[in-house]
Amino acid sequence: MSPSNYSHIAFCFLDAEKEVYADCFEAVIAGLVTGGWLVADNAINHQEPLQPVLERALADVRVDALIMPIGKGKLVCW
């Protein structure tokens, strides 16, 4: 998945194999429009395998991000 393949993304709901979350995060954030949202599922119930991605998202200066305790947990980036 190349970030150049995706542009002008206003909203993305990410629910994929945990091994590809990091690549998906980079591709989506690189193409996110101002005011766009990325919502990634399973941020709480799969926290251990997703921890590197969660930490990366929460520290990424390109977005504001938080983890919401809704359902299985949502990582919300905007």
N, C-alpha and C. Protein backbone atom coordinates (compact mmCIF):
# COMPACT_ATOMS: atom_id res chain seq x y z
N MET A 1 0.84 -1.17 0.00
CA MET A 1 0.00 0.00 0.00
C MET A 1 0.89 1.23 0.00
N SER A 2 0.81 2.00 -1.02
CA SER A 2 1.63 3.19 -1.15
C SER A 2 0.81 4.43 -0.83
N PRO A 3 1.35 5.33 0.03
CA PRO A 3 0.61 6.55 0.35
C PRO A 3 0.24 7.37 -0.87
N SER A 4 1.01 7.29 -1.95
CA SER A 4 0.69 8.06 -3.15
C SER A 4 -0.57 7.56 -3.85
N ASN A 5 -1.03 6.37 -3.52
CA ASN A 5 -2.23 5.83 -4.15
C ASN A 5 -3.52 6.41 -3.57
N TYR A 6 -3.42 7.09 -2.44
CA TYR A 6 -4.61 7.57 -1.76
C TYR A 6 -4.45 9.07 -1.47
N SER A 7 -5.44 9.83 -1.89
CA SER A 7 -5.40 11.25 -1.61
C SER A 7 -6.82 11.76 -1.42
N HIS A 8 -6.93 12.88 -0.80
CA HIS A 8 -8.22 13.52 -0.57
C HIS A 8 -9.17 12.64 0.24
N ILE A 9 -8.66 12.02 1.28
CA ILE A 9 -9.47 11.16 2.13
C ILE A 9 -10.13 12.03 3.20
N ALA A 10 -11.46 11.97 3.27
CA ALA A 10 -12.20 12.73 4.26
C ALA A 10 -12.54 11.88 5.47
N PHE A 11 -12.78 10.59 5.24
CA PHE A 11 -13.11 9.68 6.35
C PHE A 11 -12.65 8.28 5.99
N CYS A 12 -12.06 7.61 6.98
CA CYS A 12 -11.66 6.22 6.82
C CYS A 12 -11.96 5.47 8.10
N PHE A 13 -12.67 4.36 8.00
CA PHE A 13 -12.87 3.45 9.12
C PHE A 13 -11.97 2.26 8.86
N LEU A 14 -11.01 2.05 9.75
CA LEU A 14 -10.02 0.99 9.57
C LEU A 14 -10.35 -0.18 10.48
N ASP A 15 -10.61 -1.33 9.88
CA ASP A 15 -10.84 -2.57 10.60
C ASP A 15 -10.25 -3.67 9.72
N ALA A 16 -8.98 -3.95 9.94
CA ALA A 16 -8.26 -4.88 9.07
C ALA A 16 -7.43 -5.83 9.92
N GLU A 17 -6.66 -6.68 9.27
CA GLU A 17 -5.72 -7.53 9.99
C GLU A 17 -4.75 -6.62 10.74
N LYS A 18 -4.46 -6.96 11.95
CA LYS A 18 -3.65 -6.08 12.81
C LYS A 18 -2.24 -5.84 12.24
N GLU A 19 -1.74 -6.77 11.46
CA GLU A 19 -0.40 -6.64 10.88
C GLU A 19 -0.30 -5.51 9.86
N VAL A 20 -1.42 -5.06 9.31
CA VAL A 20 -1.37 -4.02 8.29
C VAL A 20 -1.80 -2.65 8.81
N TYR A 21 -2.14 -2.55 10.09
CA TYR A 21 -2.60 -1.27 10.63
C TYR A 21 -1.55 -0.17 10.45
N ALA A 22 -0.30 -0.45 10.68
CA ALA A 22 0.74 0.59 10.56
C ALA A 22 0.82 1.12 9.13
N ASP A 23 0.81 0.22 8.15
CA ASP A 23 0.86 0.65 6.75
C ASP A 23 -0.40 1.42 6.38
N CYS A 24 -1.55 0.94 6.84
CA CYS A 24 -2.81 1.64 6.55
C CYS A 24 -2.83 3.02 7.19
N PHE A 25 -2.35 3.11 8.43
CA PHE A 25 -2.30 4.40 9.12
C PHE A 25 -1.50 5.40 8.30
N GLU A 26 -0.31 5.01 7.86
CA GLU A 26 0.55 5.91 7.09
C GLU A 26 -0.10 6.31 5.78
N ALA A 27 -0.70 5.36 5.08
CA ALA A 27 -1.33 5.66 3.79
C ALA A 27 -2.50 6.61 3.96
N VAL A 28 -3.31 6.39 4.97
CA VAL A 28 -4.49 7.23 5.17
C VAL A 28 -4.10 8.62 5.66
N ILE A 29 -3.24 8.70 6.66
CA ILE A 29 -2.86 10.00 7.21
C ILE A 29 -2.16 10.85 6.15
N ALA A 30 -1.37 10.25 5.30
CA ALA A 30 -0.69 10.99 4.24
C ALA A 30 -1.69 11.61 3.25
N GLY A 31 -2.84 10.99 3.09
CA GLY A 31 -3.83 11.49 2.15
C GLY A 31 -5.03 12.16 2.79
N LEU A 32 -5.00 12.35 4.10
CA LEU A 32 -6.13 12.91 4.82
C LEU A 32 -6.26 14.41 4.54
N VAL A 33 -7.46 14.83 4.18
CA VAL A 33 -7.70 16.26 3.96
C VAL A 33 -7.80 16.96 5.31
N THR A 34 -7.63 18.28 5.31
CA THR A 34 -7.80 19.05 6.52
C THR A 34 -9.22 18.83 7.03
N GLY A 35 -9.34 18.46 8.28
CA GLY A 35 -10.65 18.17 8.86
C GLY A 35 -11.10 16.73 8.67
N GLY A 36 -10.28 15.92 7.98
CA GLY A 36 -10.63 14.52 7.75
C GLY A 36 -10.44 13.68 9.01
N TRP A 37 -11.04 12.51 9.01
CA TRP A 37 -11.01 11.61 10.17
C TRP A 37 -10.55 10.22 9.78
N LEU A 38 -9.76 9.63 10.66
CA LEU A 38 -9.44 8.20 10.61
C LEU A 38 -9.93 7.60 11.91
N VAL A 39 -10.75 6.57 11.82
CA VAL A 39 -11.23 5.85 12.99
C VAL A 39 -10.79 4.40 12.83
N ALA A 40 -9.96 3.94 13.75
CA ALA A 40 -9.46 2.57 13.69
C ALA A 40 -10.08 1.74 14.81
N ASP A 41 -10.62 0.61 14.46
CA ASP A 41 -11.31 -0.27 15.41
C ASP A 41 -10.32 -1.12 16.20
N ASN A 42 -10.80 -1.65 17.31
CA ASN A 42 -10.09 -2.63 18.14
C ASN A 42 -8.89 -2.05 18.91
N ALA A 43 -8.94 -0.77 19.22
CA ALA A 43 -7.81 -0.13 19.91
C ALA A 43 -7.67 -0.58 21.36
N ILE A 44 -8.73 -1.14 21.92
CA ILE A 44 -8.66 -1.61 23.31
C ILE A 44 -8.56 -3.14 23.37
N ASN A 45 -9.43 -3.83 22.64
CA ASN A 45 -9.41 -5.29 22.77
C ASN A 45 -8.23 -5.95 22.07
N HIS A 46 -7.55 -5.23 21.18
CA HIS A 46 -6.32 -5.73 20.56
C HIS A 46 -5.17 -4.76 20.83
N GLN A 47 -5.18 -4.19 22.02
CA GLN A 47 -4.21 -3.15 22.35
C GLN A 47 -2.77 -3.65 22.26
N GLU A 48 -2.50 -4.84 22.75
CA GLU A 48 -1.12 -5.32 22.76
C GLU A 48 -0.50 -5.38 21.36
N PRO A 49 -1.13 -6.05 20.38
CA PRO A 49 -0.49 -6.08 19.06
C PRO A 49 -0.52 -4.72 18.34
N LEU A 50 -1.46 -3.86 18.72
CA LEU A 50 -1.58 -2.55 18.08
C LEU A 50 -0.82 -1.44 18.80
N GLN A 51 -0.19 -1.75 19.92
CA GLN A 51 0.46 -0.72 20.74
C GLN A 51 1.43 0.16 19.96
N PRO A 52 2.30 -0.39 19.11
CA PRO A 52 3.20 0.49 18.34
C PRO A 52 2.44 1.49 17.45
N VAL A 53 1.36 1.05 16.83
CA VAL A 53 0.57 1.94 15.98
C VAL A 53 -0.15 2.98 16.82
N LEU A 54 -0.69 2.56 17.95
CA LEU A 54 -1.40 3.48 18.83
C LEU A 54 -0.46 4.57 19.34
N GLU A 55 0.71 4.18 19.78
CA GLU A 55 1.69 5.16 20.27
C GLU A 55 2.12 6.10 19.15
N ARG A 56 2.32 5.56 17.97
CA ARG A 56 2.72 6.36 16.81
C ARG A 56 1.64 7.39 16.48
N ALA A 57 0.38 6.96 16.49
CA ALA A 57 -0.73 7.86 16.17
C ALA A 57 -0.87 8.95 17.23
N LEU A 58 -0.77 8.58 18.48
CA LEU A 58 -0.95 9.55 19.56
C LEU A 58 0.18 10.59 19.59
N ALA A 59 1.33 10.25 19.05
CA ALA A 59 2.47 11.17 19.04
C ALA A 59 2.64 11.88 17.69
N ASP A 60 1.87 11.52 16.70
CA ASP A 60 2.02 12.06 15.35
C ASP A 60 1.57 13.52 15.31
N VAL A 61 2.45 14.41 14.91
CA VAL A 61 2.15 15.85 14.90
C VAL A 61 1.20 16.24 13.75
N ARG A 62 0.96 15.33 12.82
CA ARG A 62 0.06 15.64 11.71
C ARG A 62 -1.40 15.58 12.09
N VAL A 63 -1.69 14.92 13.22
CA VAL A 63 -3.09 14.73 13.64
C VAL A 63 -3.24 14.92 15.13
N ASP A 64 -4.46 15.20 15.54
CA ASP A 64 -4.84 15.06 16.94
C ASP A 64 -5.43 13.67 17.03
N ALA A 65 -5.19 12.98 18.14
CA ALA A 65 -5.66 11.61 18.25
C ALA A 65 -6.01 11.28 19.69
N LEU A 66 -6.95 10.35 19.83
CA LEU A 66 -7.31 9.84 21.15
C LEU A 66 -7.91 8.46 20.98
N ILE A 67 -7.95 7.73 22.08
CA ILE A 67 -8.56 6.40 22.09
C ILE A 67 -9.86 6.52 22.86
N MET A 68 -10.95 6.14 22.22
CA MET A 68 -12.27 6.24 22.83
C MET A 68 -12.74 4.85 23.25
N PRO A 69 -13.23 4.71 24.49
CA PRO A 69 -13.71 3.41 24.97
C PRO A 69 -15.14 3.11 24.51
N ILE A 70 -15.30 3.03 23.21
CA ILE A 70 -16.60 2.70 22.61
C ILE A 70 -16.45 1.33 21.97
N GLY A 71 -17.35 0.43 22.30
CA GLY A 71 -17.27 -0.92 21.75
C GLY A 71 -15.94 -1.56 22.12
N LYS A 72 -15.19 -1.97 21.11
CA LYS A 72 -13.90 -2.62 21.33
C LYS A 72 -12.75 -1.62 21.36
N GLY A 73 -13.11 -0.33 21.40
CA GLY A 73 -12.12 0.74 21.45
C GLY A 73 -11.87 1.28 20.06
N LYS A 74 -11.86 2.60 19.97
CA LYS A 74 -11.63 3.26 18.68
C LYS A 74 -10.47 4.24 18.83
N LEU A 75 -9.53 4.17 17.92
CA LEU A 75 -8.50 5.19 17.78
C LEU A 75 -9.08 6.20 16.82
N VAL A 76 -9.20 7.44 17.26
CA VAL A 76 -9.78 8.49 16.44
C VAL A 76 -8.70 9.54 16.16
N CYS A 77 -8.46 9.79 14.90
CA CYS A 77 -7.46 10.79 14.46
C CYS A 77 -8.17 11.78 13.55
N TRP A 78 -7.86 13.07 13.76
CA TRP A 78 -8.43 14.11 12.90
C TRP A 78 -7.45 15.21 12.69
